[in-house]
Amino acid sequence: MEWVSLASTIVGGGIATASAGILDQRRWRRERGDQNTESRRSLYVSYLAALASARHACRVAVREPDPDPQQHRRAVWEALEACTSLRYELSICAPRYVVEKSDDSFRRLRDLRDVVTDGFSRDSNEYVTGRRRYDRAYQDLRDAMRKDLGADA
């Protein structure tokens, strides 16, 4: 009888240790996934805010008459430049379908910047078309980010 109780104690300890290890591994994976999701969420928010800031700089440049157009041009270029590093960071951290939408919205914003810096007015066909293209691309990017983060689930 002594061997049976000793064997059952060893088997029970082995089962307990294995189940604790499995639970710890699952918890670690879940926490790691949560950290990755939170990291992407933070990056997405920063990138969307940078895009919105650059878009605002374009809006200000075409709406406010300024005796120094170089100042507006410089502000628009600097605002778009702030998006560049976040765009590269996003390109290595996000899924491909988000990166593709990110690249598209950046290109549409760059096109809008070019229209603004070329001196077109806010009522011009070029500006209105560029703005609409950018707005669609920006919405598509937000939708892709929401999908990646599981916000639409």
Protein backbone atom coordinates (compact mmCIF):
# COMPACT_ATOMS: atom_id res chain seq x y z
CA MET A 1 0.00 0.00 0.00
CA GLU A 2 2.86 2.39 0.66
CA TRP A 3 3.94 2.31 -2.98
CA VAL A 4 0.46 3.06 -4.24
CA SER A 5 0.10 6.18 -2.11
CA LEU A 6 3.62 7.31 -3.00
CA ALA A 7 2.97 6.76 -6.72
CA SER A 8 -0.38 8.57 -6.58
CA THR A 9 1.27 11.49 -4.75
CA ILE A 10 3.98 11.73 -7.42
CA VAL A 11 1.47 11.49 -10.27
CA GLY A 12 -0.77 14.09 -8.60
CA GLY A 13 2.19 16.43 -8.11
CA GLY A 14 3.20 15.96 -11.74
CA ILE A 15 -0.31 16.74 -12.95
CA ALA A 16 -0.50 19.83 -10.72
CA THR A 17 2.89 21.08 -11.90
CA ALA A 18 2.05 20.49 -15.58
CA SER A 19 -1.33 22.21 -15.31
CA ALA A 20 0.24 25.20 -13.50
CA GLY A 21 2.85 25.46 -16.26
CA ILE A 22 0.22 25.31 -18.97
CA LEU A 23 -1.89 27.96 -17.23
CA ASP A 24 1.15 30.22 -16.79
CA GLN A 25 2.02 29.86 -20.47
CA ARG A 26 -1.53 30.71 -21.52
CA ARG A 27 -1.61 33.72 -19.20
CA TRP A 28 1.76 34.90 -20.57
CA ARG A 29 0.51 34.60 -24.16
CA ARG A 30 -2.69 36.43 -23.33
CA GLU A 31 -0.80 39.24 -21.57
CA ARG A 32 1.68 39.45 -24.41
CA GLY A 33 -1.19 39.69 -26.90
CA ASP A 34 -2.82 42.40 -24.77
CA GLN A 35 0.48 44.32 -24.66
CA ASN A 36 0.88 44.05 -28.43
CA THR A 37 -2.68 45.24 -28.97
CA GLU A 38 -2.21 48.16 -26.58
CA SER A 39 1.06 49.08 -28.28
CA ARG A 40 -0.61 49.09 -31.71
CA ARG A 41 -3.56 51.07 -30.32
CA SER A 42 -1.19 53.72 -29.02
CA LEU A 43 0.69 53.85 -32.32
CA TYR A 44 -2.56 54.08 -34.27
CA VAL A 45 -3.78 56.96 -32.14
CA SER A 46 -0.48 58.81 -32.56
CA TYR A 47 -0.48 58.29 -36.31
CA LEU A 48 -4.11 59.34 -36.75
CA ALA A 49 -3.46 62.43 -34.63
CA ALA A 50 -0.40 63.33 -36.74
CA LEU A 51 -2.43 62.90 -39.93
CA ALA A 52 -5.23 65.03 -38.49
CA SER A 53 -2.74 67.72 -37.50
CA ALA A 54 -1.24 67.77 -40.99
CA ARG A 55 -4.73 67.90 -42.52
CA HIS A 56 -5.55 70.82 -40.22
CA ALA A 57 -2.38 72.62 -41.33
CA CYS A 58 -3.55 72.24 -44.94
CA ARG A 59 -6.98 73.56 -44.03
CA VAL A 60 -5.49 76.58 -42.28
CA ALA A 61 -3.17 77.27 -45.20
CA VAL A 62 -6.01 77.48 -47.73
CA ARG A 63 -8.50 79.29 -45.51
CA GLU A 64 -6.45 82.01 -43.88
CA PRO A 65 -5.13 84.74 -46.11
CA ASP A 66 -1.53 85.36 -45.21
CA PRO A 67 0.83 87.89 -46.68
CA ASP A 68 3.61 85.29 -46.32
CA PRO A 69 2.66 82.10 -48.19
CA GLN A 70 6.08 80.66 -47.34
CA GLN A 71 5.04 80.45 -43.70
CA HIS A 72 1.98 78.35 -44.57
CA ARG A 73 4.03 76.22 -46.94
CA ARG A 74 6.60 75.55 -44.24
CA ALA A 75 3.90 74.72 -41.66
CA VAL A 76 2.23 72.26 -44.03
CA TRP A 77 5.52 70.54 -44.87
CA GLU A 78 6.50 70.29 -41.19
CA ALA A 79 3.11 68.89 -40.22
CA LEU A 80 3.36 66.17 -42.86
CA GLU A 81 6.95 65.44 -41.87
CA ALA A 82 5.72 64.54 -38.37
CA CYS A 83 3.70 61.71 -39.93
CA THR A 84 6.66 60.12 -41.67
CA SER A 85 8.40 58.45 -38.71
CA LEU A 86 5.10 57.16 -37.35
CA ARG A 87 4.28 55.79 -40.79
CA TYR A 88 7.52 53.81 -40.86
CA GLU A 89 6.93 52.52 -37.35
CA LEU A 90 3.44 51.48 -38.30
CA SER A 91 4.77 49.67 -41.37
CA ILE A 92 6.65 47.19 -39.16
CA CYS A 93 4.10 46.83 -36.36
CA ALA A 94 0.74 46.63 -38.10
CA PRO A 95 -0.82 43.96 -40.31
CA ARG A 96 -0.37 44.39 -44.05
CA TYR A 97 -3.98 45.49 -44.66
CA VAL A 98 -3.51 48.37 -42.19
CA VAL A 99 -0.14 49.31 -43.70
CA GLU A 100 -1.68 49.47 -47.18
CA LYS A 101 -4.42 51.82 -45.94
CA SER A 102 -1.81 53.84 -44.05
CA ASP A 103 0.30 54.27 -47.17
CA ASP A 104 -2.76 55.27 -49.18
CA SER A 105 -3.87 57.93 -46.70
CA PHE A 106 -0.33 59.29 -46.45
CA ARG A 107 -0.12 59.55 -50.25
CA ARG A 108 -3.52 61.27 -50.45
CA LEU A 109 -2.44 63.72 -47.74
CA ARG A 110 0.82 64.34 -49.57
CA ASP A 111 -1.19 65.05 -52.73
CA LEU A 112 -3.36 67.47 -50.77
CA ARG A 113 -0.24 69.14 -49.39
CA ASP A 114 1.05 69.62 -52.93
CA VAL A 115 -2.24 71.21 -53.99
CA VAL A 116 -2.09 73.57 -51.01
CA THR A 117 1.56 74.50 -51.52
CA ASP A 118 0.90 75.11 -55.23
CA GLY A 119 -1.43 77.91 -54.12
CA PHE A 120 -4.86 76.55 -55.00
CA SER A 121 -7.79 78.06 -53.12
CA ARG A 122 -10.19 76.16 -50.89
CA ASP A 123 -12.89 76.46 -53.55
CA SER A 124 -10.74 75.12 -56.36
CA ASN A 125 -11.61 71.80 -57.94
CA GLU A 126 -8.10 70.50 -57.21
CA TYR A 127 -8.39 71.20 -53.49
CA VAL A 128 -11.93 69.84 -53.15
CA THR A 129 -11.02 66.66 -55.04
CA GLY A 130 -7.84 66.19 -53.01
CA ARG A 131 -9.68 66.74 -49.77
CA ARG A 132 -12.36 64.19 -50.64
CA ARG A 133 -9.79 61.61 -51.69
CA TYR A 134 -7.89 62.10 -48.46
CA ASP A 135 -11.05 61.94 -46.34
CA ARG A 136 -12.03 58.60 -47.94
CA ALA A 137 -8.53 57.19 -47.45
CA TYR A 138 -8.47 58.39 -43.83
CA GLN A 139 -11.82 56.72 -43.13
CA ASP A 140 -10.61 53.49 -44.75
CA LEU A 141 -7.50 53.61 -42.56
CA ARG A 142 -9.57 54.10 -39.39
CA ASP A 143 -11.81 51.19 -40.38
CA ALA A 144 -8.79 48.92 -40.94
CA MET A 145 -7.33 49.93 -37.57
CA ARG A 146 -10.62 49.26 -35.82
CA LYS A 147 -10.77 45.85 -37.46
CA ASP A 148 -7.22 45.04 -36.36
CA LEU A 149 -7.96 46.07 -32.78
CA GLY A 150 -11.19 44.11 -32.71
CA ALA A 151 -13.31 47.20 -32.12
CA ASP A 152 -15.85 46.09 -34.70
CA ALA A 153 -16.20 42.55 -33.42
